Every structure is written in C-alpha cells, then in structure tokens.
Amino acid sequence: MTRVTVNQLDEMPDDEAGALLKECCGSSRWVAMMLARRPFKSRDAVFFAADLFWKSLTLRDRMEAFAHHPRIGEKAGDRPQGERGAAWSAREQSGMDVVEAELRKEIAETNREYESRFGYIYIVSAQGKTAAELLTIAKDRLRNAPEVEIRVASEEQQKIIHLRLEKLLGPKEEATH
C-alpha cells in the first residue's frame, strides 16, 4: 500500500482523505476534526492535531474508535475497517499467527471477560508483541478500576493512531529526506 505525503493528504478530496484517516482512527468525530484542520503542511502538524483531537473526544467517540478494531486474535472488528486498516491490523497482530489452540482459546475467553467487565474490546498496541504477552497484558489490565482502564485503553488507541499515521505517511526519517 502506497504511502502519501502530507502535501497529498492536504490536497486530496475530503472523501479520500477521510477514508485514509478513518484507517488510522475509527472515530468519525476525530476524522471530521482532522479534515477541518487541513492543510497540515507538515508531518509534525498532523501528529500534533491527531493527539489534540484524540484527547478532546468524548467517551462515546472513543468507543466508536475502539469498535473499529478486531479483538485480539480475530480478523474483523464490530465496525468494518477498510482494506488498508485491515491489513495494518493483521500486521499489528502478527504475533497471533502461530498460536496454539489452547492459548488462542484462553485469549478469546480473556477478551470476553474484558468486554464483560469494561463494556468495550481490549485495546492494546499489539505490534511486536507475542500472543503470550498480549494475554498477560490483558489479564493484568482486568485488575484495573474502570476509570483507570479507560485511560489505559485510550493511551493504547493513541499509540495505534501514531503507528498507523507512520504507516500512512512513512517514518519521520523518510519524511525529512
């Protein structure tokens, strides 16, 4: 999947830019704020706006963003992602590719327990983590109070937004050359 430059993101029609941004964060309000902020003119401005707008979202907006992610170990979220987002999710969860049936079952059970306790899916920046690590993190987070866990989940979503913006725009080093 081809990357875009900040200039291309600034100049493309709203529907195209919105579709790309939605792959980075599934909150329609976040996408609308990002579109309204254009032109960014710099990579740093994109990331600054992404963080600013993410932090300004309501709980409902965050739940919408969470719903776009597949559960750990699954391929699709409750709300569909585009082709790019689905491919990014698959790569981010690549530690789940070679998981034994017993561990996969335990992860699925922990996902259900997490959702039952908190009311939303287990959100974690999974890139580079093994299935066993993801399970351990989930079990640790199940001990959090709900008000602590929503903060942790929101921070994890913000990390995912950054990872995906980097995939969209390329690493900072590339952007400066």
C-alpha atoms as a PDB file:
ATOM      1  CA  MET A   1       0.000   0.000   0.000  1.00  0.00           C
ATOM      2  CA  THR A   2       1.419   3.270  -1.053  1.00  0.00           C
ATOM      3  CA  ARG A   3       2.163   5.977   1.414  1.00  0.00           C
ATOM      4  CA  VAL A   4       1.017   9.528   0.952  1.00  0.00           C
ATOM      5  CA  THR A   5       2.840  12.760   1.595  1.00  0.00           C
ATOM      6  CA  VAL A   6       1.433  15.419   3.881  1.00  0.00           C
ATOM      7  CA  ASN A   7       1.002  17.599   0.794  1.00  0.00           C
ATOM      8  CA  GLN A   8      -1.062  14.863  -0.899  1.00  0.00           C
ATOM      9  CA  LEU A   9      -3.165  14.425   2.257  1.00  0.00           C
ATOM     10  CA  ASP A  10      -3.731  18.189   2.379  1.00  0.00           C
ATOM     11  CA  GLU A  11      -4.800  18.407  -1.266  1.00  0.00           C
ATOM     12  CA  MET A  12      -6.933  15.298  -1.764  1.00  0.00           C
ATOM     13  CA  PRO A  13     -10.726  15.487  -1.683  1.00  0.00           C
ATOM     14  CA  ASP A  14     -12.372  15.148   1.731  1.00  0.00           C
ATOM     15  CA  ASP A  15     -13.803  11.700   0.990  1.00  0.00           C
ATOM     16  CA  GLU A  16     -10.387  10.284   0.044  1.00  0.00           C
ATOM     17  CA  ALA A  17      -8.541  11.932   2.940  1.00  0.00           C
ATOM     18  CA  GLY A  18     -11.332  10.939   5.318  1.00  0.00           C
ATOM     19  CA  ALA A  19     -11.127   7.306   4.241  1.00  0.00           C
ATOM     20  CA  LEU A  20      -7.360   7.287   4.887  1.00  0.00           C
ATOM     21  CA  LEU A  21      -7.724   8.980   8.264  1.00  0.00           C
ATOM     22  CA  LYS A  22     -10.508   6.591   9.287  1.00  0.00           C
ATOM     23  CA  GLU A  23      -7.999   3.738   8.828  1.00  0.00           C
ATOM     24  CA  CYS A  24      -5.880   5.445  11.499  1.00  0.00           C
ATOM     25  CA  CYS A  25      -8.756   6.101  13.919  1.00  0.00           C
ATOM     26  CA  GLY A  26     -12.335   4.897  13.609  1.00  0.00           C
ATOM     27  CA  SER A  27     -13.901   7.867  15.400  1.00  0.00           C
ATOM     28  CA  SER A  28     -15.948   9.833  12.865  1.00  0.00           C
ATOM     29  CA  ARG A  29     -15.613  12.962  15.022  1.00  0.00           C
ATOM     30  CA  TRP A  30     -11.799  12.617  15.075  1.00  0.00           C
ATOM     31  CA  VAL A  31     -11.788  12.207  11.289  1.00  0.00           C
ATOM     32  CA  ALA A  32     -14.019  15.285  10.853  1.00  0.00           C
ATOM     33  CA  MET A  33     -11.757  17.391  13.074  1.00  0.00           C
ATOM     34  CA  MET A  34      -8.665  16.207  11.196  1.00  0.00           C
ATOM     35  CA  LEU A  35     -10.267  17.064   7.853  1.00  0.00           C
ATOM     36  CA  ALA A  36     -11.309  20.502   9.112  1.00  0.00           C
ATOM     37  CA  ARG A  37      -7.751  21.173  10.304  1.00  0.00           C
ATOM     38  CA  ARG A  38      -6.224  20.737   6.827  1.00  0.00           C
ATOM     39  CA  PRO A  39      -3.915  21.903   5.397  1.00  0.00           C
ATOM     40  CA  PHE A  40      -1.413  20.475   7.859  1.00  0.00           C
ATOM     41  CA  LYS A  41       1.647  21.492   5.829  1.00  0.00           C
ATOM     42  CA  SER A  42       3.968  19.351   7.992  1.00  0.00           C
ATOM     43  CA  ARG A  43       4.168  15.862   9.421  1.00  0.00           C
ATOM     44  CA  ASP A  44       4.562  17.285  12.924  1.00  0.00           C
ATOM     45  CA  ALA A  45       1.325  19.243  12.495  1.00  0.00           C
ATOM     46  CA  VAL A  46      -0.514  16.033  11.532  1.00  0.00           C
ATOM     47  CA  PHE A  47       0.673  14.263  14.683  1.00  0.00           C
ATOM     48  CA  PHE A  48       0.017  17.296  16.876  1.00  0.00           C
ATOM     49  CA  ALA A  49      -3.555  17.580  15.598  1.00  0.00           C
ATOM     50  CA  ALA A  50      -4.097  13.825  15.895  1.00  0.00           C
ATOM     51  CA  ASP A  51      -3.132  13.910  19.581  1.00  0.00           C
ATOM     52  CA  LEU A  52      -5.011  17.116  20.340  1.00  0.00           C
ATOM     53  CA  PHE A  53      -8.213  15.865  18.742  1.00  0.00           C
ATOM     54  CA  TRP A  54      -7.919  12.371  20.257  1.00  0.00           C
ATOM     55  CA  LYS A  55      -7.617  13.865  23.738  1.00  0.00           C
ATOM     56  CA  SER A  56     -10.678  16.066  23.130  1.00  0.00           C
ATOM     57  CA  LEU A  57     -13.013  13.187  22.249  1.00  0.00           C
ATOM     58  CA  THR A  58     -15.907  12.064  24.389  1.00  0.00           C
ATOM     59  CA  LEU A  59     -16.212   8.561  25.758  1.00  0.00           C
ATOM     60  CA  ARG A  60     -18.762   7.806  23.034  1.00  0.00           C
ATOM     61  CA  ASP A  61     -16.288   8.915  20.337  1.00  0.00           C
ATOM     62  CA  ARG A  62     -13.597   6.687  21.855  1.00  0.00           C
ATOM     63  CA  MET A  63     -15.963   3.715  21.930  1.00  0.00           C
ATOM     64  CA  GLU A  64     -16.621   4.286  18.227  1.00  0.00           C
ATOM     65  CA  ALA A  65     -12.874   4.208  17.559  1.00  0.00           C
ATOM     66  CA  PHE A  66     -12.423   1.052  19.657  1.00  0.00           C
ATOM     67  CA  ALA A  67     -15.216  -0.724  17.755  1.00  0.00           C
ATOM     68  CA  HIS A  68     -13.243  -0.461  14.505  1.00  0.00           C
ATOM     69  CA  HIS A  69     -10.550  -2.779  15.842  1.00  0.00           C
ATOM     70  CA  PRO A  70     -10.711  -6.538  15.699  1.00  0.00           C
ATOM     71  CA  ARG A  71     -10.457  -8.341  19.000  1.00  0.00           C
ATOM     72  CA  ILE A  72      -7.004  -9.731  19.660  1.00  0.00           C
ATOM     73  CA  GLY A  73      -6.869 -12.977  17.712  1.00  0.00           C
ATOM     74  CA  GLU A  74      -9.716 -12.042  15.355  1.00  0.00           C
ATOM     75  CA  LYS A  75      -9.691 -10.592  11.849  1.00  0.00           C
ATOM     76  CA  ALA A  76     -12.514  -8.017  11.956  1.00  0.00           C
ATOM     77  CA  GLY A  77     -13.971  -5.531  14.403  1.00  0.00           C
ATOM     78  CA  ASP A  78     -17.630  -4.797  15.079  1.00  0.00           C
ATOM     79  CA  ARG A  79     -17.446  -1.938  12.585  1.00  0.00           C
ATOM     80  CA  PRO A  80     -15.717  -2.606   9.270  1.00  0.00           C
ATOM     81  CA  GLN A  81     -12.269  -1.281   8.512  1.00  0.00           C
ATOM     82  CA  GLY A  82     -11.101  -0.512   5.022  1.00  0.00           C
ATOM     83  CA  GLU A  83      -8.609  -2.713   3.201  1.00  0.00           C
ATOM     84  CA  ARG A  84      -5.633  -0.692   4.447  1.00  0.00           C
ATOM     85  CA  GLY A  85      -6.805  -0.759   8.085  1.00  0.00           C
ATOM     86  CA  ALA A  86      -7.493  -4.500   7.945  1.00  0.00           C
ATOM     87  CA  ALA A  87      -4.003  -5.119   6.566  1.00  0.00           C
ATOM     88  CA  TRP A  88      -2.477  -2.910   9.261  1.00  0.00           C
ATOM     89  CA  SER A  89      -4.439  -4.774  11.971  1.00  0.00           C
ATOM     90  CA  ALA A  90      -3.242  -8.114  10.622  1.00  0.00           C
ATOM     91  CA  ARG A  91       0.401  -6.962  10.697  1.00  0.00           C
ATOM     92  CA  GLU A  92      -0.004  -5.415  14.150  1.00  0.00           C
ATOM     93  CA  GLN A  93      -1.385  -8.707  15.438  1.00  0.00           C
ATOM     94  CA  SER A  94       1.141 -10.892  13.604  1.00  0.00           C
ATOM     95  CA  GLY A  95       2.203 -12.347  16.973  1.00  0.00           C
ATOM     96  CA  MET A  96      -1.118 -14.199  16.916  1.00  0.00           C
ATOM     97  CA  ASP A  97      -0.377 -16.041  13.647  1.00  0.00           C
ATOM     98  CA  VAL A  98       1.277 -19.124  15.131  1.00  0.00           C
ATOM     99  CA  VAL A  99      -0.673 -19.552  18.347  1.00  0.00           C
ATOM    100  CA  GLU A 100      -1.579 -22.979  19.701  1.00  0.00           C
ATOM    101  CA  ALA A 101      -5.272 -23.740  20.071  1.00  0.00           C
ATOM    102  CA  GLU A 102      -5.160 -23.652  23.892  1.00  0.00           C
ATOM    103  CA  LEU A 103      -3.585 -20.178  24.007  1.00  0.00           C
ATOM    104  CA  ARG A 104      -5.985 -18.921  21.331  1.00  0.00           C
ATOM    105  CA  LYS A 105      -8.902 -20.225  23.438  1.00  0.00           C
ATOM    106  CA  GLU A 106      -7.539 -18.513  26.569  1.00  0.00           C
ATOM    107  CA  ILE A 107      -7.172 -15.221  24.680  1.00  0.00           C
ATOM    108  CA  ALA A 108     -10.767 -15.482  23.407  1.00  0.00           C
ATOM    109  CA  GLU A 109     -12.007 -16.126  26.957  1.00  0.00           C
ATOM    110  CA  THR A 110      -9.983 -13.198  28.295  1.00  0.00           C
ATOM    111  CA  ASN A 111     -11.385 -10.972  25.517  1.00  0.00           C
ATOM    112  CA  ARG A 112     -14.932 -11.910  26.609  1.00  0.00           C
ATOM    113  CA  GLU A 113     -14.108 -11.332  30.290  1.00  0.00           C
ATOM    114  CA  TYR A 114     -12.579  -7.931  29.472  1.00  0.00           C
ATOM    115  CA  GLU A 115     -15.623  -6.863  27.424  1.00  0.00           C
ATOM    116  CA  SER A 116     -17.978  -8.027  30.136  1.00  0.00           C
ATOM    117  CA  ARG A 117     -16.064  -6.091  32.786  1.00  0.00           C
ATOM    118  CA  PHE A 118     -15.444  -2.852  30.875  1.00  0.00           C
ATOM    119  CA  GLY A 119     -18.064  -2.776  28.101  1.00  0.00           C
ATOM    120  CA  TYR A 120     -15.645  -2.441  25.181  1.00  0.00           C
ATOM    121  CA  ILE A 121     -12.999  -4.560  23.487  1.00  0.00           C
ATOM    122  CA  TYR A 122      -9.487  -4.964  24.838  1.00  0.00           C
ATOM    123  CA  ILE A 123      -7.493  -2.255  23.074  1.00  0.00           C
ATOM    124  CA  VAL A 124      -3.736  -2.709  23.043  1.00  0.00           C
ATOM    125  CA  SER A 125      -0.973  -1.633  20.713  1.00  0.00           C
ATOM    126  CA  ALA A 126      -0.150  -5.193  19.646  1.00  0.00           C
ATOM    127  CA  GLN A 127       2.703  -4.505  17.251  1.00  0.00           C
ATOM    128  CA  GLY A 128       5.786  -6.527  18.136  1.00  0.00           C
ATOM    129  CA  LYS A 129       4.094  -8.404  20.986  1.00  0.00           C
ATOM    130  CA  THR A 130       3.620 -12.161  21.168  1.00  0.00           C
ATOM    131  CA  ALA A 131       0.272 -13.779  21.893  1.00  0.00           C
ATOM    132  CA  ALA A 132       1.500 -14.721  25.373  1.00  0.00           C
ATOM    133  CA  GLU A 133       2.495 -11.103  26.057  1.00  0.00           C
ATOM    134  CA  LEU A 134      -0.884  -9.835  24.852  1.00  0.00           C
ATOM    135  CA  LEU A 135      -2.656 -12.316  27.127  1.00  0.00           C
ATOM    136  CA  THR A 136      -0.538 -11.302  30.133  1.00  0.00           C
ATOM    137  CA  ILE A 137      -1.228  -7.623  29.499  1.00  0.00           C
ATOM    138  CA  ALA A 138      -4.974  -8.283  29.217  1.00  0.00           C
ATOM    139  CA  LYS A 139      -5.056 -10.267  32.451  1.00  0.00           C
ATOM    140  CA  ASP A 140      -3.108  -7.526  34.246  1.00  0.00           C
ATOM    141  CA  ARG A 141      -5.463  -4.859  32.923  1.00  0.00           C
ATOM    142  CA  LEU A 142      -8.524  -6.798  34.085  1.00  0.00           C
ATOM    143  CA  ARG A 143      -7.464  -5.794  37.607  1.00  0.00           C
ATOM    144  CA  ASN A 144      -7.775  -2.084  36.767  1.00  0.00           C
ATOM    145  CA  ALA A 145     -10.642   0.004  38.036  1.00  0.00           C
ATOM    146  CA  PRO A 146     -12.919   1.042  35.134  1.00  0.00           C
ATOM    147  CA  GLU A 147     -11.821   4.711  35.330  1.00  0.00           C
ATOM    148  CA  VAL A 148      -8.163   3.641  35.163  1.00  0.00           C
ATOM    149  CA  GLU A 149      -8.741   1.171  32.349  1.00  0.00           C
ATOM    150  CA  ILE A 150     -10.491   3.638  30.050  1.00  0.00           C
ATOM    151  CA  ARG A 151      -7.451   5.896  30.415  1.00  0.00           C
ATOM    152  CA  VAL A 152      -5.088   2.989  29.631  1.00  0.00           C
ATOM    153  CA  ALA A 153      -7.198   1.864  26.654  1.00  0.00           C
ATOM    154  CA  SER A 154      -7.296   5.450  25.352  1.00  0.00           C
ATOM    155  CA  GLU A 155      -3.500   5.712  25.620  1.00  0.00           C
ATOM    156  CA  GLU A 156      -3.173   2.429  23.711  1.00  0.00           C
ATOM    157  CA  GLN A 157      -5.506   3.745  20.999  1.00  0.00           C
ATOM    158  CA  GLN A 158      -3.372   6.879  20.751  1.00  0.00           C
ATOM    159  CA  LYS A 159      -0.294   4.666  20.203  1.00  0.00           C
ATOM    160  CA  ILE A 160      -2.193   2.841  17.454  1.00  0.00           C
ATOM    161  CA  ILE A 161      -3.091   6.161  15.811  1.00  0.00           C
ATOM    162  CA  HIS A 162       0.598   7.082  15.795  1.00  0.00           C
ATOM    163  CA  LEU A 163       1.631   3.714  14.350  1.00  0.00           C
ATOM    164  CA  ARG A 164      -0.942   3.989  11.611  1.00  0.00           C
ATOM    165  CA  LEU A 165      -0.127   7.586  10.756  1.00  0.00           C
ATOM    166  CA  GLU A 166       3.500   6.475  10.425  1.00  0.00           C
ATOM    167  CA  LYS A 167       2.406   3.678   8.095  1.00  0.00           C
ATOM    168  CA  LEU A 168       0.357   6.178   6.088  1.00  0.00           C
ATOM    169  CA  LEU A 169       2.957   8.951   5.942  1.00  0.00           C
ATOM    170  CA  GLY A 170       6.143   6.923   6.419  1.00  0.00           C
ATOM    171  CA  PRO A 171       8.642   7.131   9.269  1.00  0.00           C
ATOM    172  CA  LYS A 172       9.870  10.567  10.289  1.00  0.00           C
ATOM    173  CA  GLU A 173      13.351   9.887   8.899  1.00  0.00           C
ATOM    174  CA  GLU A 174      11.905   9.267   5.429  1.00  0.00           C
ATOM    175  CA  ALA A 175       9.732  12.365   5.624  1.00  0.00           C
ATOM    176  CA  THR A 176      12.744  14.596   6.195  1.00  0.00           C
ATOM    177  CA  HIS A 177      14.694  13.398   3.163  1.00  0.00           C
END
